[in-house]
Amino acid sequence: MSSLVLLVFAQALPAVPTARWGMAPLPARAPSPLLYVRFAGPPGTRLTFYQGKAPPRPFDAPVAVGMRPGYCYRLRLEQNGVVVYPTLEIYGALQLHPKLSAADYPVPVNLSQADFEAISHGGMVTKVYYLEHPDKALPRATKPDELLEIDLPRIGNLLQEARRRGRVMAVLHLGQREPPADELAALNIPGTILFPGDKSVAHAAAPPVLPLAVWPFFDPRVGPRKPEEECLHDGGDRGLKAGFDTKGNLVNIDPEDTVAEWTDSTGRRHVVPSNRVCLCVPRYLALRKIVPVAATEGQLGPQASVASKRPDLFNGMQPIDQVRRTKGPLGLDGRQRPAEDTNVSRLAVIRQLKVLQAQQLNLGLVELIGTKGVDTLRKDEKLVLLQAAQLVADLAGLKGVAQMDNSVGTSVIARVQGGSQVVEGSLSLRDLTACCDLPVPLPPDKPLQLVKCADKVAAKVGDLVTFSLKYTNLGVRPLTDVAVVDSLSGRLEYVEGSSKTDREAVFTVRDNEAGSSVLRWEISGTLQPGESGRIQFQVRVR
C-alpha cells in the first residue's frame, strides 16, 4: 500500500524545469571515455601491457591502444637489449562532436634513441603531453604521427608550462627501475585498456586514482568553459576591429581574420568581416625534461636515513641561476594576442604577387546563399541542409549565464518544406563549419556580404583543406575597389598556386606575425547590385 501511495505522489509532482533554479545546461559535448595513445620508437622496439593478474600482452611498435583517463599504467619497453618500465599517467581525453572518433587522433608517444641513451646513462626522462591551444600554436609544420618535443631546463615546471600552452593529457616517466611482478599486477587495473582488435573494454575494476582534467570544477550558473583546444577557428574579425588609418590603409588584420573592403557610390571606404569557420584539427605537443639521478649514497645516523649527493664533476659544470634562467621572448613560444592599446606597424614584405585570370568556379550550395534558389533544392538536399545547421549549432553553441540569450556574429536559417508542413528555425552561429549554411543578409548600411566556408569539418595534420569565399553586393548601388583579405592562423599554411577566382584580380601574399600568410585579392572592375564573386584556395594543416 505504501508503494502505491509513493507512486501516486511521484506522478503528481510537476516537472520542474532546470532554468527555474538558474542552473546552466549540461555541455553538448562530453569527453571521450578513452584516450588513444600510439606508441612508436626505433626499429626493434617492443611493448608489453599488463592488466592485473592476467597474462601480459606484448606488441611490436608502432601500436595504438585506448586508455581510460584517471589511471596509471606501468609498461615494459624493450629496445636492442635495453629494458625499461615507463609509467604513463592519463589525465584527459578529447571532447569531440559525436560524429567524430577519438581513435582518429591518438597521442603520439614517440621514444627516440636519445631517450634510451639518457636512461642508459642513469637519467630520468619525464614528458608531459598536452593538447595545443590554437591561439598559442607554434608556427611549425608537422607530419602525421610526428610529435614536436620541447626541452625544458631541470628547474622548469613541466605541468605548469604545459597548462600555459594548452590542456594536459598524459605524463610519461622513464627510468631504469625494474618493478616486481606483484607491483605490476597491483598498479595496472583490469578493464582500463582497449587493445588492438578488441571491440570493447570491460568495466574498470577500481575507481580512478588521478584527478581528471576533463571534468574541471565550474560555476553551476555560468556552466563549463567550452573546450577550445580541439578546434581551430579561422575567419571573422577577432581582437582589434579592422579599419583604416589616417592614410587610408587597412589595419588591425590579426591572424585568423577574414575581411572585405570596398568603396561605395559616395567614395567612402568600408570594411565587413566574414563569418568564422570551425575546423577540428587537434595537435599534441610534448615538454621533456631529463634529470640525472644521484650517483652516490651514504648512511647518516642510526635511523638508516639515505642522503644522495651528485659527484663534484656535475656540480662544477652547472651554470649559475642567472644564466640558466635565460629565456627568449614569450612570443617565440606561441602567438600572444596584443593588448587593446598596443599596435605595432612595420613595412609589409610581399612574398608573391600574381594577376589571376577569371575562371568558372562552382562552390556548391554556397551559390544559393542570399538568394531564393534555396526553394529549388530537392528533398534530400534540404535534409542535408538541416543536418548541417544542427551540426553548426552543436559546435558553435555559446556558453554563458543562464537565462540570457545573445546573438553574436553571422546567423544561419534552415528551412525544410515537405508537403503542407514547414519546419523553420533560426540558429545563432559563431562558427561556420560547412559550405551549405545560409547566413542572414547583412544590414542595408553594409551591402557587401562575405561568406567563408571549408570543405571539411575535421582534418588531420598534413591534410589539405579548401576554403571558399563568396562576396555579394546586396545593396542597390554599385561597389568599386573591392578587396578580400584573409590572414591565416599559424596552424594553416597556404599552398602556393592554389588561389582561384572567377573575376580578374591582383593576388598578393605576405607573411604575418603568426608565422603564416596574409592573402589579398584586389578585384578588378565594379560589383553591380546583385552580383557575386567567388574565391577558392587551399591550405595545409600544420
Protein backbone atom coordinates (compact mmCIF):
# COMPACT_ATOMS: atom_id res chain seq x y z
CA MET A 1 0.00 0.00 0.00
CA SER A 2 2.81 2.36 0.84
CA SER A 3 4.46 1.76 -2.50
CA LEU A 4 1.22 2.65 -4.28
CA VAL A 5 0.96 5.89 -2.32
CA LEU A 6 4.53 6.79 -3.19
CA LEU A 7 3.88 6.09 -6.85
CA VAL A 8 0.81 8.33 -6.95
CA PHE A 9 2.70 11.05 -5.11
CA ALA A 10 5.59 10.86 -7.55
CA GLN A 11 3.26 11.15 -10.53
CA ALA A 12 1.53 14.15 -9.01
CA LEU A 13 4.77 16.15 -8.76
CA PRO A 14 5.06 18.73 -11.55
CA ALA A 15 8.09 18.73 -13.81
CA VAL A 16 10.46 21.44 -12.61
CA PRO A 17 12.49 22.95 -15.47
CA THR A 18 16.19 23.38 -14.89
CA ALA A 19 16.07 27.06 -15.85
CA ARG A 20 13.81 27.76 -12.86
CA TRP A 21 16.68 27.08 -10.50
CA GLY A 22 19.15 29.10 -12.59
CA MET A 23 21.30 26.11 -13.46
CA ALA A 24 23.38 26.09 -16.63
CA PRO A 25 22.56 23.37 -19.19
CA LEU A 26 24.82 20.37 -19.48
CA PRO A 27 27.59 20.58 -22.10
CA ALA A 28 26.66 19.31 -25.55
CA ARG A 29 29.99 17.51 -25.95
CA ALA A 30 31.29 15.08 -23.35
CA PRO A 31 34.86 13.79 -23.13
CA SER A 32 35.70 10.52 -24.81
CA PRO A 33 35.78 7.55 -22.41
CA LEU A 34 39.23 6.61 -23.74
CA LEU A 35 42.36 8.50 -24.70
CA TYR A 36 44.01 6.72 -27.60
CA VAL A 37 47.80 6.52 -27.43
CA ARG A 38 50.07 5.46 -30.27
CA PHE A 39 53.45 4.12 -29.11
CA ALA A 40 56.34 4.32 -31.56
CA GLY A 41 60.11 4.00 -31.34
CA PRO A 42 63.26 2.89 -33.15
CA PRO A 43 63.17 -0.40 -35.09
CA GLY A 44 63.01 -3.37 -32.75
CA THR A 45 61.00 -1.62 -30.05
CA ARG A 46 58.60 -3.95 -28.25
CA LEU A 47 55.97 -3.04 -25.64
CA THR A 48 54.25 -5.23 -23.06
CA PHE A 49 51.00 -4.21 -21.38
CA TYR A 50 49.73 -5.52 -18.04
CA GLN A 51 46.15 -5.77 -16.72
CA GLY A 52 46.06 -7.09 -13.17
CA LYS A 53 46.97 -10.79 -12.86
CA ALA A 54 46.03 -11.56 -16.47
CA PRO A 55 48.86 -12.68 -18.76
CA PRO A 56 50.81 -9.72 -20.22
CA ARG A 57 50.16 -8.80 -23.83
CA PRO A 58 53.22 -7.89 -25.94
CA PHE A 59 53.10 -5.83 -29.16
CA ASP A 60 55.67 -4.59 -31.64
CA ALA A 61 55.84 -0.82 -32.09
CA PRO A 62 54.09 1.09 -33.50
CA VAL A 63 50.88 0.14 -31.71
CA ALA A 64 47.82 2.18 -30.68
CA VAL A 65 45.66 1.39 -27.63
CA GLY A 66 42.82 3.15 -25.84
CA MET A 67 43.40 4.04 -22.16
CA ARG A 68 40.94 5.21 -19.55
CA PRO A 69 41.68 8.66 -18.08
CA GLY A 70 42.42 8.85 -14.37
CA TYR A 71 44.66 5.76 -14.17
CA CYS A 72 48.39 4.99 -14.01
CA TYR A 73 49.86 2.40 -16.36
CA ARG A 74 53.17 0.59 -15.95
CA LEU A 75 54.55 -0.85 -19.20
CA ARG A 76 57.55 -2.90 -20.22
CA LEU A 77 59.56 -1.45 -23.08
CA GLU A 78 62.49 -3.20 -24.74
CA GLN A 79 64.77 -1.84 -27.42
CA ASN A 80 68.04 -3.51 -28.52
CA GLY A 81 68.51 -5.27 -25.20
CA VAL A 82 67.68 -2.20 -23.08
CA VAL A 83 64.63 -2.84 -20.89
CA VAL A 84 62.78 -0.04 -19.11
CA TYR A 85 59.46 0.13 -17.29
CA PRO A 86 57.87 3.51 -18.08
CA THR A 87 54.91 4.87 -16.13
CA LEU A 88 52.17 6.59 -18.10
CA GLU A 89 49.60 8.76 -16.33
CA ILE A 90 46.43 9.61 -18.29
CA TYR A 91 44.76 12.86 -17.21
CA GLY A 92 42.44 13.87 -20.04
CA ALA A 93 40.53 12.89 -23.17
CA LEU A 94 39.33 14.59 -26.32
CA GLN A 95 35.98 16.35 -26.41
CA LEU A 96 34.72 15.88 -29.95
CA HIS A 97 31.43 16.00 -31.77
CA PRO A 98 29.61 12.63 -31.69
CA LYS A 99 30.19 12.23 -35.43
CA LEU A 100 33.98 12.29 -34.90
CA SER A 101 36.04 9.44 -33.46
CA ALA A 102 38.72 9.94 -30.81
CA ALA A 103 40.60 6.94 -32.24
CA ASP A 104 41.50 9.05 -35.28
CA TYR A 105 43.51 11.44 -33.09
CA PRO A 106 45.87 9.37 -30.87
CA VAL A 107 48.60 10.88 -28.71
CA PRO A 108 51.92 10.06 -30.46
CA VAL A 109 54.25 8.74 -27.73
CA ASN A 110 57.49 8.60 -29.72
CA LEU A 111 60.54 7.22 -27.90
CA SER A 112 63.73 8.35 -29.59
CA GLN A 113 67.24 6.98 -29.41
CA ALA A 114 68.23 9.97 -27.30
CA ASP A 115 65.67 8.93 -24.65
CA PHE A 116 67.20 5.46 -24.39
CA GLU A 117 70.72 6.88 -24.21
CA ALA A 118 69.73 9.23 -21.39
CA ILE A 119 68.19 6.34 -19.45
CA SER A 120 71.20 4.08 -20.03
CA HIS A 121 73.45 6.78 -18.53
CA GLY A 122 71.40 6.91 -15.34
CA GLY A 123 68.98 9.66 -16.28
CA MET A 124 65.28 10.13 -15.60
CA VAL A 125 63.18 11.30 -18.55
CA THR A 126 59.81 12.98 -17.97
CA LYS A 127 57.47 14.04 -20.77
CA VAL A 128 54.19 15.94 -20.49
CA TYR A 129 51.87 15.58 -23.48
CA TYR A 130 49.38 18.40 -23.94
CA LEU A 131 46.75 19.43 -26.47
CA GLU A 132 47.93 22.66 -28.06
CA HIS A 133 45.72 25.73 -27.82
CA PRO A 134 45.18 27.23 -31.31
CA ASP A 135 45.96 30.77 -30.12
CA LYS A 136 49.36 29.60 -28.77
CA ALA A 137 50.25 27.26 -31.60
CA LEU A 138 53.84 27.05 -32.77
CA PRO A 139 54.10 28.07 -36.45
CA ARG A 140 55.92 24.88 -37.42
CA ALA A 141 54.75 22.32 -39.94
CA THR A 142 54.49 18.73 -38.76
CA LYS A 143 53.86 15.41 -40.42
CA PRO A 144 51.22 12.82 -39.48
CA ASP A 145 52.23 10.92 -36.31
CA GLU A 146 55.08 13.40 -35.77
CA LEU A 147 55.43 14.96 -32.33
CA LEU A 148 57.08 18.29 -31.55
CA GLU A 149 59.11 17.95 -28.35
CA ILE A 150 60.39 20.96 -26.44
CA ASP A 151 63.20 20.51 -23.90
CA LEU A 152 62.90 22.43 -20.65
CA PRO A 153 65.69 23.02 -18.10
CA ARG A 154 65.68 20.99 -14.90
CA ILE A 155 64.36 23.97 -12.93
CA GLY A 156 61.32 24.28 -15.20
CA ASN A 157 57.86 23.11 -14.09
CA LEU A 158 56.56 20.84 -16.83
CA LEU A 159 52.92 20.75 -15.73
CA GLN A 160 52.69 24.49 -15.19
CA GLU A 161 54.25 25.24 -18.56
CA ALA A 162 52.03 22.69 -20.33
CA ARG A 163 48.88 24.22 -18.79
CA ARG A 164 50.01 27.61 -20.05
CA ARG A 165 50.26 26.28 -23.60
CA GLY A 166 47.17 24.04 -23.70
CA ARG A 167 45.46 21.14 -21.89
CA VAL A 168 47.45 18.37 -20.19
CA MET A 169 46.57 14.90 -21.48
CA ALA A 170 49.28 12.49 -20.27
CA VAL A 171 52.58 12.33 -18.36
CA LEU A 172 55.32 9.77 -19.11
CA HIS A 173 58.13 8.83 -16.69
CA LEU A 174 61.10 6.81 -17.97
CA GLY A 175 63.71 5.28 -15.67
CA GLN A 176 65.79 2.14 -15.04
CA ARG A 177 63.94 0.77 -12.02
CA GLU A 178 62.53 -2.72 -12.57
CA PRO A 179 59.33 -3.27 -10.56
CA PRO A 180 58.44 -6.69 -9.13
CA ALA A 181 55.62 -8.74 -10.62
CA ASP A 182 53.19 -8.05 -7.78
CA GLU A 183 53.66 -4.30 -8.21
CA LEU A 184 52.89 -4.55 -11.94
CA ALA A 185 49.72 -6.50 -11.18
CA ALA A 186 48.58 -4.05 -8.50
CA LEU A 187 49.30 -0.87 -10.44
CA ASN A 188 47.64 -1.89 -13.71
CA ILE A 189 43.87 -2.00 -13.10
CA PRO A 190 41.93 -4.52 -15.24
CA GLY A 191 39.37 -3.05 -17.62
CA THR A 192 41.30 0.13 -18.43
CA ILE A 193 42.95 -0.66 -21.80
CA LEU A 194 41.32 -1.29 -25.18
CA PHE A 195 43.82 -3.43 -27.11
CA PRO A 196 44.08 -3.65 -30.93
CA GLY A 197 41.42 -5.98 -32.30
CA ASP A 198 39.11 -5.69 -29.29
CA LYS A 199 35.70 -4.13 -29.88
CA SER A 200 35.06 -3.10 -26.28
CA VAL A 201 36.71 -2.83 -22.90
CA ALA A 202 35.33 -4.20 -19.65
CA HIS A 203 34.37 -2.05 -16.68
CA ALA A 204 37.31 -0.85 -14.62
CA ALA A 205 37.94 -2.99 -11.54
CA ALA A 206 38.73 0.09 -9.41
CA PRO A 207 37.87 3.80 -9.49
CA PRO A 208 40.30 6.36 -10.96
CA VAL A 209 43.25 7.45 -8.85
CA LEU A 210 44.26 10.62 -10.72
CA PRO A 211 42.39 13.94 -10.96
CA LEU A 212 40.58 14.17 -14.28
CA ALA A 213 41.34 17.27 -16.28
CA VAL A 214 38.30 16.62 -18.49
CA TRP A 215 35.84 17.31 -15.65
CA PRO A 216 37.04 20.60 -14.14
CA PHE A 217 35.11 22.48 -11.46
CA PHE A 218 32.87 25.26 -12.77
CA ASP A 219 30.18 27.64 -11.64
CA PRO A 220 26.79 25.86 -11.86
CA ARG A 221 25.13 29.05 -13.12
CA VAL A 222 27.68 30.01 -15.76
CA GLY A 223 28.36 26.44 -16.84
CA PRO A 224 31.59 24.79 -18.02
CA ARG A 225 34.06 26.51 -20.28
CA LYS A 226 33.70 25.40 -23.86
CA PRO A 227 36.80 23.41 -24.92
CA GLU A 228 38.87 25.33 -27.45
CA GLU A 229 41.91 23.10 -27.91
CA GLU A 230 40.25 20.59 -30.27
CA CYS A 231 39.02 23.07 -32.90
CA LEU A 232 40.85 25.61 -34.99
CA HIS A 233 38.96 28.81 -35.81
CA ASP A 234 39.50 30.95 -38.87
CA GLY A 235 37.64 33.89 -40.35
CA GLY A 236 35.71 36.75 -38.83
CA ASP A 237 37.36 39.69 -37.04
CA ARG A 238 38.81 38.85 -33.62
CA GLY A 239 40.64 41.25 -31.33
CA LEU A 240 41.03 44.80 -32.58
CA LYS A 241 38.42 45.62 -35.20
CA ALA A 242 39.72 46.05 -38.73
CA GLY A 243 39.58 49.58 -40.09
CA PHE A 244 41.52 52.29 -41.90
CA ASP A 245 44.28 54.56 -40.64
CA THR A 246 44.72 58.23 -41.49
CA LYS A 247 46.36 57.30 -44.80
CA GLY A 248 43.52 55.04 -45.86
CA ASN A 249 45.41 51.77 -45.30
CA LEU A 250 43.65 48.71 -43.90
CA VAL A 251 44.95 47.95 -40.38
CA ASN A 252 44.30 45.60 -37.44
CA ILE A 253 44.17 42.45 -39.56
CA ASP A 254 45.07 39.82 -36.99
CA PRO A 255 45.79 36.17 -37.74
CA GLU A 256 42.53 34.25 -38.31
CA ASP A 257 40.78 37.41 -39.61
CA THR A 258 38.95 37.45 -42.95
CA VAL A 259 37.50 40.77 -44.13
CA ALA A 260 36.48 42.56 -47.31
CA GLU A 261 36.85 46.27 -48.10
CA TRP A 262 35.12 48.35 -50.75
CA THR A 263 34.24 51.87 -51.86
CA ASP A 264 30.58 52.94 -52.04
CA SER A 265 28.97 55.33 -54.51
CA THR A 266 29.90 58.34 -52.34
CA GLY A 267 33.60 57.48 -52.26
CA ARG A 268 33.68 56.23 -48.65
CA ARG A 269 35.63 53.11 -47.71
CA HIS A 270 34.03 50.31 -45.66
CA VAL A 271 35.10 47.02 -44.07
CA VAL A 272 32.97 43.93 -43.40
CA PRO A 273 34.13 40.67 -41.74
CA SER A 274 33.18 37.18 -42.81
CA ASN A 275 31.71 34.50 -40.60
CA ARG A 276 34.03 32.21 -38.66
CA VAL A 277 34.99 28.69 -39.71
CA CYS A 278 35.48 25.86 -37.21
CA LEU A 279 37.85 23.02 -38.17
CA CYS A 280 38.58 20.14 -35.81
CA VAL A 281 42.36 19.57 -36.00
CA PRO A 282 43.76 18.63 -32.56
CA ARG A 283 47.56 18.60 -32.31
CA TYR A 284 49.65 17.26 -29.45
CA LEU A 285 52.99 18.58 -28.25
CA ALA A 286 55.34 17.33 -25.54
CA LEU A 287 57.55 19.04 -22.97
CA ARG A 288 60.59 16.98 -21.98
CA LYS A 289 62.96 17.18 -19.03
CA ILE A 290 65.98 14.95 -18.37
CA VAL A 291 67.21 14.74 -14.76
CA PRO A 292 70.34 12.73 -13.88
CA VAL A 293 69.81 10.51 -10.84
CA ALA A 294 72.08 10.54 -7.78
CA ALA A 295 75.40 8.77 -8.27
CA THR A 296 76.46 8.18 -4.64
CA GLU A 297 74.62 7.20 -1.47
CA GLY A 298 75.71 7.32 2.19
CA GLN A 299 74.26 6.28 5.56
CA LEU A 300 73.64 9.07 8.04
CA GLY A 301 72.82 8.21 11.65
CA PRO A 302 71.31 5.09 13.20
CA GLN A 303 67.88 5.56 11.57
CA ALA A 304 69.07 4.29 8.18
CA SER A 305 68.49 7.65 6.53
CA VAL A 306 69.82 7.90 2.99
CA ALA A 307 71.44 11.04 1.65
CA SER A 308 72.18 11.49 -2.05
CA LYS A 309 74.91 13.68 -3.45
CA ARG A 310 75.92 14.38 -7.01
CA PRO A 311 79.59 13.97 -7.99
CA ASP A 312 81.68 17.14 -7.89
CA LEU A 313 82.20 16.96 -11.64
CA PHE A 314 78.49 17.50 -12.25
CA ASN A 315 78.28 20.25 -9.64
CA GLY A 316 81.11 22.15 -11.26
CA MET A 317 79.50 22.02 -14.69
CA GLN A 318 76.17 23.54 -13.64
CA PRO A 319 75.69 27.18 -14.75
CA ILE A 320 74.62 29.91 -12.39
CA ASP A 321 70.92 30.60 -11.97
CA GLN A 322 71.03 33.86 -13.93
CA VAL A 323 72.44 32.08 -16.98
CA ARG A 324 70.24 29.02 -16.55
CA ARG A 325 67.08 31.11 -16.43
CA THR A 326 67.81 32.94 -19.66
CA LYS A 327 64.82 32.66 -21.95
CA GLY A 328 63.71 34.23 -25.19
CA PRO A 329 60.59 36.33 -25.63
CA LEU A 330 57.27 34.62 -24.94
CA GLY A 331 56.22 35.35 -28.49
CA LEU A 332 58.56 32.61 -29.64
CA ASP A 333 56.60 30.00 -27.68
CA GLY A 334 53.30 30.87 -29.32
CA ARG A 335 51.29 33.75 -30.73
CA GLN A 336 50.02 36.03 -28.00
CA ARG A 337 47.26 38.49 -28.82
CA PRO A 338 48.28 42.14 -28.30
CA ALA A 339 46.59 44.32 -25.76
CA GLU A 340 43.91 46.71 -26.94
CA ASP A 341 46.22 49.71 -26.59
CA THR A 342 49.12 48.07 -28.43
CA ASN A 343 49.66 48.43 -32.15
CA VAL A 344 52.89 47.69 -33.99
CA SER A 345 53.32 48.95 -37.54
CA ARG A 346 56.01 47.78 -39.93
CA LEU A 347 56.61 47.51 -43.64
CA ALA A 348 54.88 44.51 -45.14
CA VAL A 349 57.14 42.39 -47.35
CA ILE A 350 55.19 40.95 -50.27
CA ARG A 351 56.27 37.37 -50.86
CA GLN A 352 54.23 36.80 -54.00
CA LEU A 353 52.35 38.99 -56.49
CA LYS A 354 50.27 37.47 -59.26
CA VAL A 355 47.49 38.58 -61.61
CA LEU A 356 44.72 35.96 -61.51
CA GLN A 357 42.61 35.44 -64.62
CA ALA A 358 38.88 34.88 -64.23
CA GLN A 359 37.71 31.27 -64.39
CA GLN A 360 34.46 29.46 -63.70
CA LEU A 361 34.08 28.36 -60.06
CA ASN A 362 31.33 26.21 -58.59
CA LEU A 363 31.01 26.49 -54.81
CA GLY A 364 28.07 24.11 -54.47
CA LEU A 365 25.25 25.18 -52.16
CA VAL A 366 27.14 28.36 -51.30
CA GLU A 367 25.88 29.71 -54.61
CA LEU A 368 22.36 29.83 -53.11
CA ILE A 369 23.30 31.95 -50.10
CA GLY A 370 21.29 35.15 -50.05
CA THR A 371 19.09 34.06 -52.96
CA LYS A 372 15.69 32.41 -53.43
CA GLY A 373 17.31 29.38 -55.01
CA VAL A 374 17.01 27.52 -51.70
CA ASP A 375 13.40 26.73 -52.64
CA THR A 376 14.64 24.74 -55.65
CA LEU A 377 16.53 22.20 -53.52
CA ARG A 378 15.46 18.59 -53.59
CA LYS A 379 14.11 16.88 -50.50
CA ASP A 380 17.39 15.08 -49.78
CA GLU A 381 19.36 18.33 -50.20
CA LYS A 382 17.06 20.08 -47.76
CA LEU A 383 17.59 17.28 -45.25
CA VAL A 384 21.37 17.63 -45.60
CA LEU A 385 20.96 21.36 -45.10
CA LEU A 386 19.02 20.86 -41.88
CA GLN A 387 21.57 18.35 -40.56
CA ALA A 388 24.41 20.75 -41.35
CA ALA A 389 22.63 23.53 -39.49
CA GLN A 390 22.21 21.27 -36.47
CA LEU A 391 25.91 20.39 -36.59
CA VAL A 392 26.79 24.08 -36.68
CA ALA A 393 24.60 24.72 -33.66
CA ASP A 394 26.30 21.91 -31.70
CA LEU A 395 29.82 23.07 -32.50
CA ALA A 396 29.14 26.78 -32.14
CA GLY A 397 26.86 26.85 -29.10
CA LEU A 398 27.59 29.81 -26.85
CA LYS A 399 28.07 29.20 -23.13
CA GLY A 400 27.07 31.96 -20.79
CA VAL A 401 24.94 32.90 -17.81
CA ALA A 402 21.63 31.05 -17.65
CA GLN A 403 18.50 32.80 -18.91
CA MET A 404 20.49 35.11 -21.18
CA ASP A 405 20.11 34.91 -24.94
CA ASN A 406 22.59 36.65 -27.22
CA SER A 407 23.06 36.51 -30.97
CA VAL A 408 26.66 37.13 -31.98
CA GLY A 409 28.05 37.40 -35.49
CA THR A 410 26.60 35.69 -38.52
CA SER A 411 23.32 33.80 -38.18
CA VAL A 412 22.03 30.78 -40.03
CA ILE A 413 18.49 29.96 -41.13
CA ALA A 414 17.47 26.41 -42.00
CA ARG A 415 14.14 25.82 -43.72
CA VAL A 416 12.79 22.44 -44.74
CA GLN A 417 9.48 22.11 -46.53
CA GLY A 418 7.71 18.82 -47.12
CA GLY A 419 4.08 18.69 -48.20
CA SER A 420 1.95 21.03 -46.14
CA GLN A 421 4.31 21.09 -43.17
CA VAL A 422 7.01 23.74 -42.95
CA VAL A 423 9.77 23.47 -40.36
CA GLU A 424 11.62 26.71 -39.92
CA GLY A 425 14.21 27.82 -37.35
CA SER A 426 16.86 30.44 -36.77
CA LEU A 427 20.20 29.39 -35.25
CA SER A 428 22.74 31.69 -33.62
CA LEU A 429 26.02 30.90 -35.31
CA ARG A 430 29.55 31.72 -34.29
CA ASP A 431 31.44 29.16 -36.36
CA LEU A 432 30.56 28.11 -39.92
CA THR A 433 31.72 24.57 -40.50
CA ALA A 434 30.30 23.57 -43.86
CA CYS A 435 29.52 25.02 -47.26
CA CYS A 436 25.74 24.64 -47.03
CA ASP A 437 24.77 27.11 -44.30
CA LEU A 438 22.60 30.15 -45.01
CA PRO A 439 23.58 33.40 -43.22
CA VAL A 440 21.03 36.15 -42.76
CA PRO A 441 21.74 39.10 -45.14
CA LEU A 442 23.70 41.97 -43.69
CA PRO A 443 22.03 45.27 -42.72
CA PRO A 444 21.44 47.75 -45.56
CA ASP A 445 24.23 50.10 -44.40
CA LYS A 446 26.76 47.37 -45.21
CA PRO A 447 25.61 45.95 -48.53
CA LEU A 448 28.66 43.74 -49.15
CA GLN A 449 28.25 40.23 -47.76
CA LEU A 450 31.27 37.95 -47.27
CA VAL A 451 30.78 34.23 -46.58
CA LYS A 452 33.61 31.80 -45.84
CA CYS A 453 33.35 28.02 -45.62
CA ALA A 454 35.55 24.93 -45.67
CA ASP A 455 35.11 21.63 -47.46
CA LYS A 456 35.79 19.68 -44.24
CA VAL A 457 34.59 19.71 -40.66
CA ALA A 458 37.57 17.75 -39.32
CA ALA A 459 41.10 17.20 -40.60
CA LYS A 460 44.46 15.80 -39.53
CA VAL A 461 47.95 17.20 -39.56
CA GLY A 462 49.18 17.31 -43.16
CA ASP A 463 45.71 17.29 -44.75
CA LEU A 464 44.67 19.74 -47.46
CA VAL A 465 41.62 21.91 -46.78
CA THR A 466 39.86 24.00 -49.45
CA PHE A 467 38.42 27.35 -48.35
CA SER A 468 35.75 29.14 -50.38
CA LEU A 469 34.89 32.84 -50.19
CA LYS A 470 31.80 34.39 -51.73
CA TYR A 471 31.21 38.14 -51.74
CA THR A 472 27.84 39.56 -52.85
CA ASN A 473 26.54 43.09 -53.40
CA LEU A 474 23.19 43.08 -51.61
CA GLY A 475 22.72 46.83 -52.00
CA VAL A 476 21.14 48.95 -54.69
CA ARG A 477 24.27 50.82 -55.84
CA PRO A 478 27.48 49.55 -57.47
CA LEU A 479 30.61 48.95 -55.39
CA THR A 480 34.18 49.58 -56.52
CA ASP A 481 37.70 48.82 -55.26
CA VAL A 482 36.56 45.54 -53.72
CA ALA A 483 39.36 43.66 -51.95
CA VAL A 484 39.27 40.49 -49.82
CA VAL A 485 41.93 39.91 -47.15
CA ASP A 486 42.48 36.61 -45.31
CA SER A 487 45.13 36.36 -42.58
CA LEU A 488 45.70 32.67 -41.88
CA SER A 489 46.22 31.07 -38.50
CA GLY A 490 49.64 29.74 -37.54
CA ARG A 491 48.32 26.18 -37.91
CA LEU A 492 47.45 26.75 -41.59
CA GLU A 493 49.94 27.03 -44.45
CA TYR A 494 48.91 28.43 -47.82
CA VAL A 495 49.50 26.08 -50.77
CA GLU A 496 51.33 28.00 -53.45
CA GLY A 497 49.44 28.28 -56.74
CA SER A 498 46.08 27.13 -55.36
CA SER A 499 44.31 30.52 -55.45
CA LYS A 500 41.46 30.81 -57.98
CA THR A 501 38.85 33.50 -58.64
CA ASP A 502 36.01 33.97 -61.11
CA ARG A 503 36.97 37.63 -61.63
CA GLU A 504 40.26 39.17 -62.63
CA ALA A 505 42.20 40.10 -59.52
CA VAL A 506 45.65 41.09 -58.30
CA PHE A 507 46.72 38.48 -55.75
CA THR A 508 49.47 39.12 -53.18
CA VAL A 509 50.93 37.01 -50.37
CA ARG A 510 52.93 38.30 -47.41
CA ASP A 511 53.93 36.97 -44.00
CA ASN A 512 52.00 37.67 -40.81
CA GLU A 513 53.02 37.67 -37.15
CA ALA A 514 51.66 34.14 -36.58
CA GLY A 515 54.23 32.60 -38.93
CA SER A 516 51.70 32.06 -41.70
CA SER A 517 50.47 34.23 -44.61
CA VAL A 518 48.18 37.16 -45.38
CA LEU A 519 46.30 36.62 -48.64
CA ARG A 520 44.84 39.61 -50.50
CA TRP A 521 42.70 39.70 -53.64
CA GLU A 522 42.13 43.11 -55.28
CA ILE A 523 39.11 42.58 -57.53
CA SER A 524 39.07 44.38 -60.87
CA GLY A 525 36.03 46.25 -62.14
CA THR A 526 32.76 47.20 -60.49
CA LEU A 527 30.48 44.93 -58.48
CA GLN A 528 26.95 45.73 -59.61
CA PRO A 529 23.89 45.23 -57.36
CA GLY A 530 23.05 41.55 -57.07
CA GLU A 531 26.38 40.39 -58.49
CA SER A 532 28.69 37.98 -56.68
CA GLY A 533 32.31 36.92 -56.81
CA ARG A 534 33.97 33.68 -55.80
CA ILE A 535 37.42 32.81 -54.47
CA GLN A 536 38.95 29.44 -53.70
CA PHE A 537 42.31 28.47 -52.22
CA GLN A 538 43.91 25.58 -50.36
CA VAL A 539 45.82 25.34 -47.09
CA ARG A 540 47.79 22.54 -45.47
CA VAL A 541 47.19 21.82 -41.79
CA ARG A 542 50.35 22.08 -39.69
